[in-house]
Protein backbone atom coordinates (compact mmCIF):
# COMPACT_ATOMS: atom_id res chain seq x y z
CA MET A 1 88.77 -20.78 -10.62
CA GLU A 2 89.44 -20.85 -14.34
CA TRP A 3 88.35 -23.18 -17.14
CA THR A 4 91.85 -24.66 -17.36
CA ASP A 5 91.62 -25.72 -13.69
CA LEU A 6 88.61 -27.96 -14.36
CA THR A 7 88.80 -31.74 -14.62
CA GLU A 8 87.85 -33.30 -17.96
CA GLY A 9 84.53 -34.61 -16.57
CA ALA A 10 83.61 -31.17 -15.27
CA LYS A 11 84.41 -29.61 -18.65
CA ALA A 12 82.22 -32.19 -20.43
CA VAL A 13 79.27 -31.26 -18.19
CA LEU A 14 79.74 -27.50 -18.50
CA GLU A 15 80.05 -27.70 -22.28
CA GLN A 16 76.50 -29.07 -22.31
CA THR A 17 74.96 -26.16 -20.37
CA ARG A 18 74.44 -24.31 -23.63
CA ASN A 19 72.80 -25.77 -26.65
CA MET A 20 75.29 -24.45 -29.22
CA LYS A 21 72.87 -24.91 -32.11
CA ASN A 22 70.47 -22.15 -31.06
CA ASP A 23 72.20 -20.86 -27.92
CA ASN A 24 69.34 -21.91 -25.66
CA ILE A 25 70.14 -22.62 -22.06
CA GLN A 26 70.08 -26.31 -21.37
CA ILE A 27 69.69 -28.20 -18.11
CA VAL A 28 72.29 -30.91 -17.71
CA GLU A 29 71.46 -33.93 -15.59
CA PHE A 30 74.35 -36.24 -14.86
CA GLU A 31 75.26 -39.11 -12.59
CA ILE A 32 78.37 -39.30 -10.48
CA GLY A 33 80.10 -42.53 -11.42
CA PHE A 34 79.11 -42.20 -15.09
CA GLU A 35 81.64 -43.48 -17.60
CA GLN A 36 81.31 -44.07 -21.33
CA GLU A 37 83.27 -43.91 -24.56
CA PHE A 38 81.79 -41.82 -27.34
CA GLU A 39 82.58 -41.93 -31.05
CA ALA A 40 83.47 -38.63 -32.68
CA GLY A 41 83.64 -39.57 -36.33
CA ASP A 42 86.02 -41.83 -38.19
CA GLN A 43 87.76 -43.99 -35.60
CA ASP A 44 88.00 -41.09 -33.13
CA THR A 45 86.70 -41.92 -29.68
CA TYR A 46 86.76 -40.01 -26.45
CA LYS A 47 85.83 -41.05 -22.95
CA VAL A 48 83.55 -39.14 -20.59
CA SER A 49 84.00 -40.00 -16.95
CA ILE A 50 82.24 -38.03 -14.21
CA GLN A 51 83.43 -38.93 -10.75
CA GLU A 52 83.19 -37.37 -7.28
CA GLU A 53 86.26 -35.19 -7.91
CA ASP A 54 84.56 -33.80 -11.05
CA TYR A 55 81.48 -32.93 -8.99
CA GLU A 56 83.61 -31.14 -6.39
CA ASN A 57 85.41 -29.33 -9.20
CA LEU A 58 82.10 -28.25 -10.77
CA LYS A 59 80.75 -27.11 -7.42
CA ARG A 60 83.80 -24.91 -6.86
CA TYR A 61 83.71 -23.56 -10.42
CA THR A 62 80.02 -22.64 -10.26
CA GLN A 63 80.59 -20.77 -7.00
CA GLU A 64 83.70 -18.84 -8.00
CA ASN A 65 83.32 -18.60 -11.77
CA GLU A 66 85.37 -15.69 -13.11
CA TYR A 67 83.58 -15.44 -16.45
CA GLY A 68 80.36 -13.84 -15.20
CA ASP A 69 78.00 -16.76 -15.84
CA LYS A 70 75.95 -17.89 -12.85
CA TYR A 71 74.93 -21.49 -12.32
CA HIS A 72 72.48 -23.38 -10.13
CA MET A 73 73.43 -26.88 -9.10
CA ALA A 74 71.32 -29.41 -7.17
CA ARG A 75 72.27 -32.92 -6.05
CA ASN A 76 70.08 -35.82 -4.95
CA LYS A 77 72.21 -38.87 -4.09
CA ASN A 78 74.36 -39.39 -7.21
CA ILE A 79 72.13 -37.46 -9.63
CA VAL A 80 73.10 -33.83 -10.21
CA LYS A 81 71.39 -31.11 -12.23
CA ILE A 82 73.16 -27.98 -13.36
CA ILE A 83 71.65 -25.01 -15.17
CA LEU A 84 73.15 -21.82 -16.51
CA LEU A 85 71.08 -18.99 -15.02
CA GLU A 86 69.54 -16.19 -17.04
CA ASP A 87 70.29 -12.78 -15.52
CA GLY A 88 71.52 -14.51 -12.37
CA LYS A 89 68.18 -16.19 -11.59
CA ILE A 90 66.41 -19.44 -12.41
CA PRO A 91 64.10 -18.93 -15.42
CA ASP A 92 60.36 -18.92 -14.67
CA ASN A 93 59.41 -21.94 -16.76
CA LEU A 94 62.12 -24.59 -16.63
CA SER A 95 59.97 -27.02 -18.61
CA GLU A 96 60.68 -24.93 -21.73
CA PHE A 97 64.37 -25.78 -21.60
CA PRO A 98 65.88 -28.96 -23.03
CA VAL A 99 67.44 -31.42 -20.58
CA PHE A 100 70.67 -33.19 -21.53
CA ARG A 101 70.63 -36.65 -19.88
CA GLN A 102 73.25 -38.63 -21.80
CA TYR A 103 75.63 -38.58 -18.85
CA LYS A 104 73.40 -40.87 -16.78
CA LYS A 105 73.64 -44.65 -16.42
CA ASP A 106 69.89 -45.17 -16.99
CA ALA A 107 70.22 -43.24 -20.28
CA LEU A 108 72.79 -45.86 -21.32
CA VAL A 109 70.41 -48.68 -20.43
CA LYS A 110 67.56 -47.09 -22.45
CA THR A 111 69.85 -46.63 -25.46
CA GLU A 112 70.93 -50.28 -25.30
CA GLU A 113 67.29 -51.42 -25.00
CA GLU A 114 66.32 -49.31 -28.03
CA LYS A 115 69.16 -50.88 -30.04
CA GLU A 116 67.97 -54.38 -29.06
CA ILE A 117 64.36 -53.59 -30.03
CA THR A 118 65.49 -52.21 -33.40
CA ALA A 119 67.68 -55.26 -34.02
CA ASP A 120 64.81 -57.62 -33.10
CA SER A 121 62.34 -55.88 -35.41
CA GLU A 122 64.77 -56.07 -38.36
CA GLU A 123 64.97 -59.87 -38.16
């Protein structure tokens, strides 16, 4: 399976498995059913939607990836974690790696609560 075969939601998740800034491996935690619009600068917005078909697409891609990278994926109900493996195995100390959680509904709720608290304290 090639990159071009992936759904947009699956691509969004996989793009987060590497922290581009310092090329550290990053654990991505996402929720199936997640949907949100993001702003990408001046009036540019894009939508991230991760649905069951994206999960199935990711599962297939991580199993038959043609680019040599190996992934580990675990699912508990609608919450999924995916990690790019180092040398084909899970790193010894996962707590050292950053976790990307913006593709989860509870992350949206926390962000909204933080905005409300900030707005209240400015009054």
